Amino acid sequence: MTRRLTRLGLVLALAALAPDDPAEKEKPKDAPVGASYKVPYRLTQTNHYLVRVRVNGKGPFNFLVDSGAPALYIGTKAAEKIGLKPEKDEFWTKIDRLDLEGGATLTNLKGRVEDPFQLEGMNALGLPGASIDGILGFTILAKFRLEMDPTQDRMVWTRIDYNPKDPFVPKRAEDRTPSAEVQAMQMMGPMMKFFALFLGKQPPDVLHAQGLLGLELAEADGEVKVSVVLPGTPAAEAGVKVGDRLVSLRNRDVKSLKAVHEAVAETRVGDKVRLVVRRDGETVDLFLKAAEGL
């Protein structure tokens, strides 16, 4: 008998739920070693992995997962929205907190506020189908073991016992003329902007955040059971219990995880969701109001 787990909605994991103690809210903690997080992602039209993050509590923003980038990069427009100003005479800027959708939190980071050619050029042409606000590079990705399965809608990020060195600080521009290769790369962004004037920019896809219900489910023997109810979520408030067997969701029979995903695919924040479960031989009718994820 095989079992598969899933999350409903774009769910922040338990570690990302706000604590009751106000003092603890002011002291975010890094994802502990060994903790795993299911991070929702979007595969763009250019086959880039795109995830959503908050920076210093602001967002969410779309960031590329790019193992070829040396560090964390934040686009200038996103930095302006965050209120993040580059530190004077410093190449890297201090980032207090980074929250990934799925629950992982990192603190006390360094990032570069600028528009690398990947962001500038791709956004100019609208190639990804979505606005790109930044890049998660090596100094972020190296803190995790990443599992990517293109047949699933989530990556698995597991915190490892490794902290990469601080990002390299290049020599100042006045101290060294960039190589021909670097100059060519720097020209790619403006060139793509120029071509966009003639080719036209592809309109971005309109995305609607999926509502949060707060359940983890397991499929076995032709039925779907509740395996976890996240505290403080609509499911917990509606009285859903671990062990409940799903009968219908949004007036649709759900006997598989696939059927569940199809039933909640159009759920939006604020929607009233009817959930019918079987508990102790009785049928229980529950109503949930979808909350907002990241």
Foldseek 3Di string as FASTA:
>chain_A
DDKDKDFFFQAADQLQDQDPDPVVNVPRDADDAFDKFWFFWDQFLVRWTWFWKAFPNDDTFIATEDQPDQAKEFEQVVCVVVVHDADPPDQWGWTAWMATRRHGIDGGATYGYHQFLVQLLCQLQVRRLDHHGIYGYDQRLVQWDWADDVVDRTIMTGGHPDGDDHGDDDDDCVVDPDDPVVVVRRVNNVVSNVVCVVVPHDHHDDDAGFFHAAFMWMADPQWIFTQDGRPPGQCVVQPPDGGWIWQDKQPHGDRDVVSVCVRRVPHHQQDKMWTWTADPNDIDITIGGTHGHD
